């Protein structure tokens, strides 16, 4: 019997937690709701859905509030006070999750919610981490080729084996999630971090669909930064490569110096050789600048980590406690907006506690200090 089956599950401790970061997904949220909840109801087990609004500028937050009112028994919504990035939003969901099986899912419906059951079954078999491989990817050719190249480079550098690192439909057991929560890392890549803690990982094939609405929130620059975080966050191999390149260039420079010295005594001075020396000098300067930039990236990450600032701040939490809807609002300027979204005329089963929310920001800061952007 697996750990999941041994645990006594209650409404307060569901078996499955589904974490969905949301950033400007107004156009697709209704379709997500229509497919997600029936798929989870078919699991025949207790579950919770945690939406994290990552500073959306459209009506995403209001739609999450409406969905919370429609399904308060299984829905929780965390509204962050700014845009912190997909992985920080997922970490916010991890810290609020209660399930033994924690599943991450994108809100764009490219990963069908109906595939969640496949991951849950694998977790029940005793695996502690279930990765996924997108079959027949509905992405552009350059995105697929770039992803394949980065997969190979990442595996070579970090020794972390993930066939499809870009697919966020994944499942983690409670132990891995709790371990990640204790890390307090600022620059991280959650699937890779979880892989380092997993003892019995597995991968499964999942379907992949075209994006329901809108465009990807990852620009080319964001994808480069994300992969750079992945490489520098889990390996010092790039620094070792630079050291090796430095040794090779030093030996090559010494050999070139000896060669030029011999030519000077045998043939004499050659004015034409000045341009060759300039080319070599500029090449070496380029290598030095690149090395300084890479070293600066590592030092910058250390600097961000030792400052121990909160990784994110929670603005509002919508959840049900003891059968009643509760809104935790740390900021007074959003009280009216949340009440308007949640309370139609005549609704009287709502508790608003502005003081509780203040503790949410404090707890987020304490978590970051203890341990230590979609």
Protein backbone atom coordinates (compact mmCIF):
# COMPACT_ATOMS: atom_id res chain seq x y z
CA UNK A 1 0.00 0.00 0.00
CA UNK A 2 1.38 3.37 -0.98
CA UNK A 3 1.86 6.35 1.25
CA UNK A 4 -1.14 8.00 -0.35
CA UNK A 5 -3.39 5.07 0.51
CA UNK A 6 -2.15 4.90 4.08
CA UNK A 7 -3.00 8.50 4.86
CA UNK A 8 -6.42 9.26 6.33
CA UNK A 9 -8.03 11.81 4.04
CA UNK A 10 -10.52 14.43 5.19
CA UNK A 11 -12.04 17.49 3.51
CA UNK A 12 -9.24 19.50 5.11
CA UNK A 13 -6.59 17.09 3.79
CA UNK A 14 -7.66 16.08 0.27
CA UNK A 15 -5.80 13.43 -1.65
CA UNK A 16 -5.17 15.65 -4.67
CA UNK A 17 -4.18 19.31 -4.90
CA UNK A 18 -4.14 20.90 -8.36
CA UNK A 19 -2.11 24.11 -8.61
CA UNK A 20 -2.75 26.43 -11.55
CA UNK A 21 -0.86 29.72 -12.00
CA UNK A 22 -2.89 32.35 -13.84
CA UNK A 23 -1.58 35.40 -15.66
CA UNK A 24 -3.89 37.33 -17.98
CA UNK A 25 -5.93 34.23 -18.89
CA UNK A 26 -9.36 35.89 -18.95
CA UNK A 27 -10.21 34.54 -22.40
CA UNK A 28 -9.61 30.91 -21.48
CA UNK A 29 -10.62 30.57 -17.83
CA UNK A 30 -14.27 29.72 -18.48
CA UNK A 31 -13.23 26.85 -20.77
CA UNK A 32 -10.70 25.71 -18.17
CA UNK A 33 -13.37 25.63 -15.44
CA UNK A 34 -15.75 23.71 -17.73
CA UNK A 35 -13.20 20.94 -18.34
CA UNK A 36 -11.20 20.88 -15.11
CA UNK A 37 -13.86 20.17 -12.50
CA UNK A 38 -15.62 17.33 -14.38
CA UNK A 39 -12.22 15.71 -14.93
CA UNK A 40 -11.41 15.93 -11.22
CA UNK A 41 -14.89 14.76 -10.17
CA UNK A 42 -14.30 11.59 -12.20
CA UNK A 43 -11.30 10.73 -10.02
CA UNK A 44 -13.66 9.67 -7.26
CA UNK A 45 -11.51 11.17 -4.51
CA UNK A 46 -11.23 14.36 -2.51
CA UNK A 47 -9.42 17.22 -4.18
CA UNK A 48 -8.76 20.94 -4.08
CA UNK A 49 -7.97 23.37 -6.88
CA UNK A 50 -5.63 26.24 -6.03
CA UNK A 51 -5.52 29.11 -8.50
CA UNK A 52 -2.67 31.61 -8.13
CA UNK A 53 -3.31 34.94 -9.80
CA UNK A 54 0.16 36.21 -10.67
CA UNK A 55 -0.60 39.91 -10.96
CA UNK A 56 -2.99 39.66 -13.91
CA UNK A 57 -4.06 42.96 -15.47
CA UNK A 58 -7.29 41.66 -16.99
CA UNK A 59 -10.40 40.17 -15.31
CA UNK A 60 -8.68 36.94 -14.30
CA UNK A 61 -8.82 37.76 -10.58
CA UNK A 62 -12.54 38.57 -10.71
CA UNK A 63 -13.27 35.35 -12.61
CA UNK A 64 -11.34 33.34 -10.02
CA UNK A 65 -13.43 34.98 -7.29
CA UNK A 66 -16.61 34.04 -9.14
CA UNK A 67 -15.42 30.45 -9.54
CA UNK A 68 -14.56 30.30 -5.85
CA UNK A 69 -18.12 31.31 -5.02
CA UNK A 70 -19.49 28.67 -7.41
CA UNK A 71 -17.35 25.85 -5.95
CA UNK A 72 -16.09 26.97 -2.51
CA UNK A 73 -15.84 23.37 -1.33
CA UNK A 74 -13.01 22.54 -3.74
CA UNK A 75 -11.66 25.92 -4.88
CA UNK A 76 -9.08 28.22 -3.34
CA UNK A 77 -7.67 31.35 -4.93
CA UNK A 78 -4.44 33.11 -4.03
CA UNK A 79 -4.03 36.62 -5.41
CA UNK A 80 -0.45 37.86 -5.46
CA UNK A 81 0.21 41.60 -5.31
CA UNK A 82 2.37 41.58 -8.44
CA UNK A 83 3.82 39.49 -11.22
CA UNK A 84 6.51 37.21 -9.79
CA UNK A 85 6.71 34.63 -12.56
CA UNK A 86 5.28 31.18 -13.13
CA UNK A 87 7.58 29.30 -10.80
CA UNK A 88 7.15 31.71 -7.88
CA UNK A 89 3.38 31.44 -8.35
CA UNK A 90 3.63 27.65 -8.21
CA UNK A 91 5.73 27.88 -5.05
CA UNK A 92 3.00 30.04 -3.51
CA UNK A 93 0.55 27.26 -4.36
CA UNK A 94 2.87 24.63 -2.90
CA UNK A 95 2.94 26.43 0.44
CA UNK A 96 -0.87 26.57 0.54
CA UNK A 97 -1.51 23.03 -0.74
CA UNK A 98 -2.76 20.28 1.57
CA UNK A 99 -3.04 17.25 -0.70
CA UNK A 100 -0.88 14.15 -0.61
CA UNK A 101 -0.59 14.33 -4.40
CA UNK A 102 0.19 17.79 -5.76
CA UNK A 103 -0.28 18.41 -9.48
CA UNK A 104 0.76 21.49 -11.44
CA UNK A 105 -1.16 22.51 -14.55
CA UNK A 106 -0.99 25.50 -16.90
CA UNK A 107 -4.15 27.54 -17.42
CA UNK A 108 -3.88 27.71 -21.21
CA UNK A 109 -5.42 24.24 -21.80
CA UNK A 110 -2.49 23.05 -23.89
CA UNK A 111 -2.22 20.24 -21.35
CA UNK A 112 -5.72 18.70 -21.15
CA UNK A 113 -7.11 18.49 -17.59
CA UNK A 114 -8.43 15.06 -18.52
CA UNK A 115 -4.83 13.77 -18.34
CA UNK A 116 -4.65 14.43 -14.59
CA UNK A 117 -6.14 11.02 -13.85
CA UNK A 118 -3.20 9.35 -15.59
CA UNK A 119 -0.77 11.08 -13.24
CA UNK A 120 -2.82 10.26 -10.15
CA UNK A 121 -2.83 6.57 -11.05
CA UNK A 122 0.96 6.56 -11.38
CA UNK A 123 1.34 8.25 -8.01
CA UNK A 124 -0.91 5.64 -6.43
CA UNK A 125 1.42 2.96 -7.78
CA UNK A 126 4.12 4.28 -5.46
CA UNK A 127 6.05 6.78 -7.58
CA UNK A 128 6.97 10.01 -5.84
CA UNK A 129 7.40 12.19 -8.94
CA UNK A 130 5.61 11.87 -12.28
CA UNK A 131 7.01 13.84 -15.20
CA UNK A 132 5.29 14.10 -18.55
CA UNK A 133 6.19 14.01 -22.23
CA UNK A 134 4.03 15.98 -24.65
CA UNK A 135 2.98 13.88 -27.63
CA UNK A 136 2.45 15.63 -30.99
CA UNK A 137 3.36 19.03 -29.61
CA UNK A 138 1.22 21.87 -30.94
CA UNK A 139 4.03 24.43 -30.88
CA UNK A 140 5.98 26.17 -33.61
CA UNK A 141 8.92 24.39 -35.20
CA UNK A 142 11.53 26.67 -33.63
CA UNK A 143 10.02 26.17 -30.16
CA UNK A 144 10.22 22.39 -30.57
CA UNK A 145 13.78 22.44 -31.89
CA UNK A 146 14.94 24.91 -29.24
CA UNK A 147 13.35 22.77 -26.55
CA UNK A 148 15.09 19.64 -27.83
CA UNK A 149 18.45 21.43 -27.91
CA UNK A 150 18.01 22.75 -24.37
CA UNK A 151 16.95 19.33 -23.13
CA UNK A 152 20.19 17.83 -24.42
CA UNK A 153 22.33 20.69 -23.09
CA UNK A 154 20.63 20.64 -19.69
CA UNK A 155 21.05 16.88 -19.28
CA UNK A 156 24.72 17.10 -20.26
CA UNK A 157 25.42 19.92 -17.79
CA UNK A 158 23.19 19.09 -14.81
CA UNK A 159 22.78 15.30 -15.16
CA UNK A 160 19.06 15.83 -14.59
CA UNK A 161 17.14 13.53 -16.92
CA UNK A 162 13.84 15.03 -18.07
CA UNK A 163 12.66 14.16 -21.54
CA UNK A 164 10.41 17.23 -21.79
CA UNK A 165 11.42 19.94 -19.36
CA UNK A 166 8.90 22.47 -20.71
CA UNK A 167 5.76 20.53 -19.79
CA UNK A 168 4.43 21.76 -16.43
CA UNK A 169 1.77 19.06 -16.08
CA UNK A 170 3.52 17.09 -13.35
CA UNK A 171 2.74 15.32 -10.09
CA UNK A 172 4.67 15.42 -6.81
CA UNK A 173 4.10 13.64 -3.54
CA UNK A 174 3.73 15.49 -0.24
CA UNK A 175 7.29 14.81 0.90
CA UNK A 176 8.83 16.40 -2.20
CA UNK A 177 6.57 19.45 -1.96
CA UNK A 178 7.42 19.95 1.71
CA UNK A 179 11.12 19.65 0.91
CA UNK A 180 10.82 22.24 -1.87
CA UNK A 181 8.99 24.57 0.52
CA UNK A 182 11.91 24.39 2.93
CA UNK A 183 14.44 25.35 0.26
CA UNK A 184 13.43 28.98 -0.04
CA UNK A 185 15.19 29.39 -3.39
CA UNK A 186 14.57 32.55 -5.42
CA UNK A 187 15.91 31.49 -8.82
CA UNK A 188 14.84 27.93 -9.44
CA UNK A 189 13.21 25.52 -11.88
CA UNK A 190 10.65 23.46 -10.00
CA UNK A 191 10.61 20.23 -12.09
CA UNK A 192 14.41 19.99 -11.92
CA UNK A 193 14.47 20.78 -8.21
CA UNK A 194 11.85 18.11 -7.55
CA UNK A 195 13.81 15.60 -9.61
CA UNK A 196 16.85 16.05 -7.36
CA UNK A 197 14.70 15.09 -4.35
CA UNK A 198 12.79 12.22 -5.98
CA UNK A 199 13.67 8.64 -5.12
CA UNK A 200 11.31 6.90 -7.53
CA UNK A 201 10.52 9.15 -10.52
CA UNK A 202 8.71 8.13 -13.69
CA UNK A 203 7.55 9.78 -16.92
CA UNK A 204 4.29 9.28 -18.82
CA UNK A 205 3.05 10.42 -22.23
CA UNK A 206 0.30 13.05 -22.25
CA UNK A 207 -1.71 14.73 -24.97
CA UNK A 208 -0.94 18.26 -26.09
CA UNK A 209 -3.39 20.69 -27.63
CA UNK A 210 -3.24 24.11 -29.22
CA UNK A 211 -3.50 27.05 -26.88
CA UNK A 212 -7.20 27.79 -26.31
CA UNK A 213 -6.85 31.59 -26.38
CA UNK A 214 -4.23 34.30 -26.22
CA UNK A 215 -0.50 33.98 -26.64
CA UNK A 216 2.31 32.42 -24.65
CA UNK A 217 3.46 34.58 -21.75
CA UNK A 218 7.05 33.51 -22.40
CA UNK A 219 8.94 35.76 -24.79
CA UNK A 220 12.20 34.66 -26.38
CA UNK A 221 14.10 36.58 -23.70
CA UNK A 222 12.03 34.94 -20.93
CA UNK A 223 12.75 31.48 -22.33
CA UNK A 224 16.47 32.24 -22.46
CA UNK A 225 16.41 33.51 -18.87
CA UNK A 226 14.46 30.47 -17.72
CA UNK A 227 16.92 28.04 -19.27
CA UNK A 228 19.82 30.06 -17.92
CA UNK A 229 18.31 29.78 -14.44
CA UNK A 230 17.98 26.04 -14.95
CA UNK A 231 21.63 25.61 -15.93
CA UNK A 232 23.20 27.95 -13.37
CA UNK A 233 20.81 26.94 -10.60
CA UNK A 234 21.72 23.26 -10.67
CA UNK A 235 25.33 23.05 -11.82
CA UNK A 236 28.71 24.77 -11.69
CA UNK A 237 29.80 23.00 -14.88
CA UNK A 238 29.75 26.29 -16.88
CA UNK A 239 32.34 27.71 -14.48
CA UNK A 240 34.43 24.57 -14.85
CA UNK A 241 34.19 24.88 -18.63
CA UNK A 242 35.44 28.45 -18.41
CA UNK A 243 38.39 27.32 -16.33
CA UNK A 244 39.20 24.65 -18.91
CA UNK A 245 38.88 27.16 -21.77
CA UNK A 246 41.14 29.54 -19.87
CA UNK A 247 43.82 26.87 -19.56
CA UNK A 248 43.58 26.01 -23.28
CA UNK A 249 43.79 29.67 -24.30
CA UNK A 250 46.76 30.23 -22.01
CA UNK A 251 48.62 27.29 -23.51
CA UNK A 252 47.67 28.41 -27.01
CA UNK A 253 48.84 31.96 -26.30
CA UNK A 254 52.16 30.67 -24.96
CA UNK A 255 52.63 28.51 -28.05
CA UNK A 256 51.79 31.44 -30.34
CA UNK A 257 54.27 33.64 -28.49
CA UNK A 258 57.04 31.09 -28.98
CA UNK A 259 56.13 30.72 -32.67
CA UNK A 260 56.17 34.47 -33.28
CA UNK A 261 59.45 34.81 -31.40
CA UNK A 262 61.09 32.15 -33.58
CA UNK A 263 59.70 33.73 -36.76
CA UNK A 264 61.10 37.12 -35.70
CA UNK A 265 64.63 35.72 -35.38
CA UNK A 266 64.44 33.68 -38.58
CA UNK A 267 62.38 35.87 -40.91
CA UNK A 268 62.40 39.21 -39.15
CA UNK A 269 59.63 41.53 -38.01
CA UNK A 270 56.42 41.48 -40.08
CA UNK A 271 54.17 44.55 -40.06
CA UNK A 272 51.31 42.53 -41.52
CA UNK A 273 51.16 40.45 -38.34
CA UNK A 274 49.69 43.40 -36.42
CA UNK A 275 46.20 42.70 -37.76
CA UNK A 276 46.46 39.06 -36.72
CA UNK A 277 47.43 40.12 -33.22
CA UNK A 278 44.49 42.52 -33.10
CA UNK A 279 42.11 39.72 -34.08
CA UNK A 280 43.52 37.43 -31.41
CA UNK A 281 43.34 40.21 -28.83
CA UNK A 282 39.69 40.97 -29.56
CA UNK A 283 38.84 37.27 -29.41
CA UNK A 284 40.46 36.94 -26.00
CA UNK A 285 38.69 40.09 -24.78
CA UNK A 286 35.38 38.57 -25.87
CA UNK A 287 36.12 35.40 -23.93
CA UNK A 288 37.05 37.44 -20.85
CA UNK A 289 33.87 39.54 -21.02
CA UNK A 290 31.74 36.40 -21.42
CA UNK A 291 33.48 34.80 -18.45
CA UNK A 292 32.89 37.89 -16.33
CA UNK A 293 29.22 37.90 -17.31
CA UNK A 294 28.77 34.25 -16.39
CA UNK A 295 30.58 34.74 -13.11
CA UNK A 296 28.39 37.77 -12.46
CA UNK A 297 25.27 35.65 -12.94
CA UNK A 298 26.37 33.25 -10.22
CA UNK A 299 27.35 36.09 -7.89
CA UNK A 300 24.07 37.88 -8.58
CA UNK A 301 22.11 34.79 -7.58
CA UNK A 302 24.08 34.54 -4.37
CA UNK A 303 23.36 38.22 -3.68
CA UNK A 304 19.63 37.78 -4.26
CA UNK A 305 19.55 34.76 -1.99
CA UNK A 306 21.45 36.24 0.96
CA UNK A 307 19.24 39.35 1.03
CA UNK A 308 16.48 37.02 2.27
CA UNK A 309 13.66 39.12 0.85
CA UNK A 310 10.21 37.53 0.46
CA UNK A 311 9.89 35.65 -2.80
CA UNK A 312 6.36 37.00 -3.25
CA UNK A 313 3.63 38.81 -1.31
CA UNK A 314 0.08 37.53 -0.98
CA UNK A 315 -2.62 40.12 -1.52
CA UNK A 316 -5.73 38.01 -0.93
CA UNK A 317 -6.64 34.40 -0.17
CA UNK A 318 -10.11 33.08 -0.93
CA UNK A 319 -10.96 29.79 0.75
CA UNK A 320 -13.66 28.01 2.71
CA UNK A 321 -13.23 27.07 6.36
CA UNK A 322 -15.70 24.94 8.27
CA UNK A 323 -18.18 25.26 5.44
CA UNK A 324 -18.04 29.07 5.35
CA UNK A 325 -16.38 31.32 2.81
CA UNK A 326 -13.44 33.26 4.22
CA UNK A 327 -11.54 36.08 2.57
CA UNK A 328 -8.14 37.03 3.92
CA UNK A 329 -7.31 40.54 2.76
CA UNK A 330 -4.04 42.08 3.91
CA UNK A 331 -4.64 45.29 1.96
CA UNK A 332 -7.66 47.48 2.64
CA UNK A 333 -7.72 48.87 -0.90
CA UNK A 334 -8.84 45.52 -2.31
CA UNK A 335 -11.53 44.73 0.29
CA UNK A 336 -14.32 46.39 -1.67
CA UNK A 337 -13.29 44.80 -4.97
CA UNK A 338 -13.25 41.31 -3.48
CA UNK A 339 -16.56 41.80 -1.67
CA UNK A 340 -18.17 43.04 -4.88
CA UNK A 341 -16.97 39.97 -6.78
CA UNK A 342 -17.98 37.54 -4.06
CA UNK A 343 -21.16 39.04 -2.59
CA UNK A 344 -24.16 39.56 -4.82
CA UNK A 345 -27.09 41.42 -3.27
CA UNK A 346 -28.44 39.52 -0.27
CA UNK A 347 -25.40 37.30 0.32
CA UNK A 348 -24.68 37.07 4.02
CA UNK A 349 -22.47 34.02 4.47
CA UNK A 350 -19.18 35.87 3.99
CA UNK A 351 -16.50 36.62 6.60
CA UNK A 352 -13.94 39.30 5.79
CA UNK A 353 -11.01 39.47 8.15
CA UNK A 354 -8.50 42.16 7.17
CA UNK A 355 -6.27 41.33 10.10
CA UNK A 356 -5.76 37.71 9.09
CA UNK A 357 -4.32 38.67 5.74
CA UNK A 358 -1.63 40.73 7.37
CA UNK A 359 -0.31 37.50 8.77
CA UNK A 360 -0.19 36.06 5.25
CA UNK A 361 2.43 38.57 4.12
CA UNK A 362 4.31 38.09 7.37
CA UNK A 363 4.32 34.32 6.98
CA UNK A 364 5.49 34.61 3.35
CA UNK A 365 8.36 36.78 4.48
CA UNK A 366 9.24 34.42 7.30
CA UNK A 367 9.27 31.44 4.92
CA UNK A 368 11.65 33.25 2.61
CA UNK A 369 13.89 34.27 5.49
CA UNK A 370 13.96 30.75 6.88
CA UNK A 371 14.93 29.29 3.48
CA UNK A 372 16.63 32.19 1.99
CA UNK A 373 8.64 35.40 -13.28
CA UNK A 374 4.15 33.64 -16.39
